Structures are given as structure tokens and as C-alpha cells.
Amino acid sequence: MAREPRPKRERRLAASADPGRNLAAARFFCGHLTEEQTRGFNAREEPQRFYMSACINFASGAVEALSVKTGVADAGADQKWRSEQSPENLDLFDRLRDVRIEDFHFGVLDAATGGKWVDATRIRGITVSSLPGVLVEATNPNGEVIRGAALTNVPTLYIALGGQMEATMACQKFIDMIQSLLDHARI
């Protein structure tokens, strides 16, 4: 049996396209990405990559479903909505949609593995003894300064975008932008 042509599939599924459901799935995987990263020393790179990939894929799918539902070629190209976004957010939006294509079609997830300084007292199972009021400080790749009685460096993923943006932040911003696009379209 031959594959169904895309235009025919889009016509058949247009009435049931549900961008909100895609976005809910993106939130689900973003939550898993965040949870994996908060495992501290036990955070694993491969699950972070899979969760990030799934998050970006479902979030991009919400834009595609919106396009089908509204009968436009690309809902993400809506000029009125884009004019309401900051240039930095549009760069992120466009980059993550490209990352989705590179990842989904070519198996290449453009995310660098790096470390992130965190307050060690916030990691489950870690006990820190320190003199009262004594703090140490470190700066993360995104410029965020972290202070605490003890710091540790945990594995995380970064997207290169005018500097390094932590994958969890990039995914959350991407989801927020797509939610604003759905709100704009009143879906």
C-alpha cells in the first residue's frame, strides 16, 4: 500500500487537528527534561536529549496543527503575532523550529553538553556542612551567578543562541511563545 499524500492527509485530519494537545505533550516532556536535570550528579545526558527532542517536536507540532486548523501554510509566520515578539524570542522560536527539523529528519540534536553550577544543598540526598554566612559563588555559561554554602556542577544541555541558553529554559520559552501564538489565533 502506498503512503497517503501529505495534502490528502492534511485535508482528512484538519478538522481534528489539536494544537493544544500537542502543546500539552510538549509541556509533559519539558517537565521530564527539568526533572532529569534536577537529579544533580545523577542527571544523564541521553534522557535529557530525548526529553528535549520530544518537547521541541511536540511544540513544533502544535504550530503545524495550528497551520492545518487555520488553513495557512505556516502559522508561525503570522506577521501580527511576530511583530509582538522580541527579536531574541523570535530568534529562539525560529532556531528551535530548525532544531526540530535537524533532529527529527537527520537525527542531529544541536545541543551542547555542559555543566551548570547549582546550590548543592538543593540536591536530594546531599548533606552540606558549612560555617553560617559563608557563601561561595560561581557563574554559569548563561551569565547567571549562583551563590550557596556549597556548589556543585551538574550536567545539562545548552542551545547556542547569542550565547548559551540552558535547554530547560529554551524549551519553556518556546512553549510559552507557542501558547501566545495559539492565544493570538484564539484556538
Protein backbone atom coordinates (compact mmCIF):
# COMPACT_ATOMS: atom_id res chain seq x y z
CA MET A 1 0.00 0.00 0.00
CA ALA A 2 1.35 3.44 -0.94
CA ARG A 3 1.71 6.19 1.62
CA GLU A 4 -1.07 8.74 1.76
CA PRO A 5 0.00 12.03 0.13
CA ARG A 6 0.52 14.87 2.60
CA PRO A 7 -2.15 17.21 1.13
CA LYS A 8 -4.74 14.45 1.34
CA ARG A 9 -3.72 13.59 4.92
CA GLU A 10 -3.89 17.27 5.93
CA ARG A 11 -7.41 17.63 4.47
CA ARG A 12 -8.53 14.45 6.25
CA LEU A 13 -7.11 15.50 9.62
CA ALA A 14 -7.75 19.27 9.52
CA ALA A 15 -11.00 19.04 11.46
CA SER A 16 -9.39 17.07 14.29
CA ALA A 17 -6.03 18.91 14.44
CA ASP A 18 -5.45 19.84 18.08
CA PRO A 19 -2.56 22.23 18.70
CA GLY A 20 -3.44 22.37 22.40
CA ARG A 21 -2.91 18.62 22.76
CA ASN A 22 0.49 18.89 21.06
CA LEU A 23 1.43 21.72 23.40
CA ALA A 24 0.32 19.69 26.43
CA ALA A 25 2.64 16.88 25.29
CA ALA A 26 5.47 19.42 24.91
CA ARG A 27 4.87 20.57 28.50
CA PHE A 28 4.93 16.93 29.65
CA PHE A 29 8.35 16.32 28.09
CA CYS A 30 9.69 19.70 29.26
CA GLY A 31 8.74 18.61 32.79
CA HIS A 32 10.68 15.38 32.34
CA LEU A 33 13.68 17.32 30.98
CA THR A 34 13.61 19.59 34.02
CA GLU A 35 13.19 16.65 36.38
CA GLU A 36 16.12 14.79 34.83
CA GLN A 37 18.33 17.85 35.11
CA THR A 38 17.44 18.34 38.78
CA ARG A 39 18.79 14.87 39.59
CA GLY A 40 22.10 16.63 40.16
CA PHE A 41 25.06 14.25 39.96
CA ASN A 42 22.75 11.55 38.62
CA ALA A 43 21.45 13.62 35.69
CA ARG A 44 22.02 11.68 32.48
CA GLU A 45 22.74 13.26 29.12
CA GLU A 46 20.87 10.78 26.91
CA PRO A 47 17.46 11.11 28.65
CA GLN A 48 17.89 14.90 28.62
CA ARG A 49 18.43 14.75 24.86
CA PHE A 50 15.38 12.53 24.34
CA TYR A 51 13.14 14.73 26.50
CA MET A 52 14.39 17.89 24.80
CA SER A 53 13.85 16.34 21.38
CA ALA A 54 10.31 15.25 22.26
CA CYS A 55 9.49 18.65 23.76
CA ILE A 56 10.66 20.55 20.68
CA ASN A 57 8.98 18.08 18.34
CA PHE A 58 5.58 18.30 20.04
CA ALA A 59 5.80 22.09 20.43
CA SER A 60 6.62 22.45 16.72
CA GLY A 61 3.77 20.03 16.02
CA ALA A 62 1.43 22.48 17.75
CA VAL A 63 2.42 25.13 15.19
CA GLU A 64 1.88 22.65 12.36
CA ALA A 65 -1.52 21.61 13.76
CA LEU A 66 -2.48 25.29 14.08
CA SER A 67 -1.44 25.84 10.46
CA VAL A 68 -3.63 22.95 9.29
CA LYS A 69 -6.53 24.00 11.51
CA THR A 70 -6.46 27.61 10.27
CA GLY A 71 -5.65 26.74 6.66
CA VAL A 72 -2.38 28.67 6.42
CA ALA A 73 1.00 27.47 5.19
CA ASP A 74 2.83 28.40 8.43
CA ALA A 75 1.02 29.81 11.46
CA GLY A 76 4.42 30.70 12.93
CA ALA A 77 4.92 33.24 10.13
CA ASP A 78 1.89 35.32 11.22
CA GLN A 79 3.21 38.88 10.86
CA LYS A 80 0.97 40.44 13.50
CA TRP A 81 1.99 37.84 16.11
CA ARG A 82 5.67 38.08 15.14
CA SER A 83 5.57 41.89 15.45
CA GLU A 84 4.52 41.48 19.09
CA GLN A 85 7.57 39.31 19.93
CA SER A 86 11.05 40.46 20.91
CA PRO A 87 13.86 39.83 18.41
CA GLU A 88 15.52 37.47 20.94
CA ASN A 89 12.34 35.43 21.32
CA LEU A 90 11.86 35.23 17.55
CA ASP A 91 15.46 34.03 17.19
CA LEU A 92 14.73 31.29 19.74
CA PHE A 93 11.40 30.40 18.11
CA ASP A 94 12.93 30.11 14.63
CA ARG A 95 16.05 28.30 15.87
CA LEU A 96 14.12 25.66 17.79
CA ARG A 97 11.86 25.02 14.80
CA ASP A 98 15.04 24.46 12.77
CA VAL A 99 16.46 22.25 15.54
CA ARG A 100 13.30 20.14 15.29
CA ILE A 101 13.84 19.62 11.55
CA GLU A 102 17.52 18.76 12.05
CA ASP A 103 16.73 16.38 14.89
CA PHE A 104 13.60 14.73 13.51
CA HIS A 105 14.74 14.30 9.92
CA PHE A 106 18.50 13.92 10.32
CA GLY A 107 18.98 12.66 13.89
CA VAL A 108 21.14 15.64 14.86
CA LEU A 109 20.10 17.46 18.06
CA ASP A 110 22.11 20.68 18.14
CA ALA A 111 22.55 20.94 21.88
CA ALA A 112 25.91 21.15 23.61
CA THR A 113 26.59 19.18 26.75
CA GLY A 114 27.92 21.30 29.54
CA GLY A 115 27.79 21.88 33.23
CA LYS A 116 25.68 24.10 35.38
CA TRP A 117 26.56 25.32 38.84
CA VAL A 118 23.83 24.70 41.41
CA ASP A 119 23.47 25.09 45.15
CA ALA A 120 24.46 21.64 46.44
CA THR A 121 22.04 21.94 49.36
CA ARG A 122 19.15 21.69 46.88
CA ILE A 123 20.16 18.28 45.56
CA ARG A 124 18.30 15.35 47.07
CA GLY A 125 20.45 13.15 49.26
CA ILE A 126 23.25 15.70 49.71
CA THR A 127 24.13 16.99 53.17
CA VAL A 128 26.26 20.10 53.36
CA SER A 129 28.03 21.36 56.47
CA SER A 130 29.23 24.92 56.35
CA LEU A 131 30.01 27.84 58.59
CA PRO A 132 26.98 30.12 58.95
CA GLY A 133 27.06 33.02 56.50
CA VAL A 134 29.93 31.65 54.42
CA LEU A 135 28.98 31.51 50.74
CA VAL A 136 30.78 30.57 47.56
CA GLU A 137 29.92 31.90 44.14
CA ALA A 138 30.19 30.74 40.51
CA THR A 139 28.90 31.96 37.16
CA ASN A 140 27.02 29.67 34.78
CA PRO A 141 27.56 29.78 31.00
CA ASN A 142 24.36 31.85 30.62
CA GLY A 143 25.77 34.52 32.96
CA GLU A 144 23.65 33.56 35.97
CA VAL A 145 25.56 33.94 39.24
CA ILE A 146 24.96 31.17 41.78
CA ARG A 147 25.72 31.52 45.48
CA GLY A 148 25.48 28.96 48.23
CA ALA A 149 27.20 27.28 51.14
CA ALA A 150 28.45 24.66 48.66
CA LEU A 151 28.15 24.49 44.89
CA THR A 152 28.36 21.58 42.52
CA ASN A 153 28.47 21.32 38.76
CA VAL A 154 25.74 19.14 37.22
CA PRO A 155 25.38 18.02 33.59
CA THR A 156 22.94 19.93 31.42
CA LEU A 157 22.29 20.77 27.77
CA TYR A 158 22.66 24.15 26.14
CA ILE A 159 21.38 25.69 22.91
CA ALA A 160 23.75 28.13 21.22
CA LEU A 161 21.77 31.28 20.60
CA GLY A 162 23.67 34.52 21.05
CA GLY A 163 25.40 32.81 23.96
CA GLN A 164 24.39 29.61 25.67
CA MET A 165 20.81 29.10 26.82
CA GLU A 166 20.02 26.21 29.09
CA ALA A 167 17.82 23.66 27.29
CA THR A 168 15.15 23.70 30.01
CA MET A 169 14.83 27.48 29.71
CA ALA A 170 14.82 27.32 25.90
CA CYS A 171 12.07 24.69 25.88
CA GLN A 172 9.95 26.59 28.41
CA LYS A 173 10.26 29.84 26.45
CA PHE A 174 9.43 28.00 23.22
CA ILE A 175 6.29 26.55 24.81
CA ASP A 176 5.28 29.97 26.17
CA MET A 177 5.71 31.54 22.74
CA ILE A 178 3.62 28.85 21.07
CA GLN A 179 0.94 29.30 23.72
CA SER A 180 0.91 33.01 22.87
CA LEU A 181 0.59 32.09 19.17
CA LEU A 182 -2.40 29.85 19.98
CA ASP A 183 -3.92 32.64 22.09
CA HIS A 184 -3.36 35.06 19.21
CA ALA A 185 -5.15 32.67 16.85
CA ARG A 186 -7.86 32.17 19.52
CA ILE A 187 -7.54 28.39 19.42
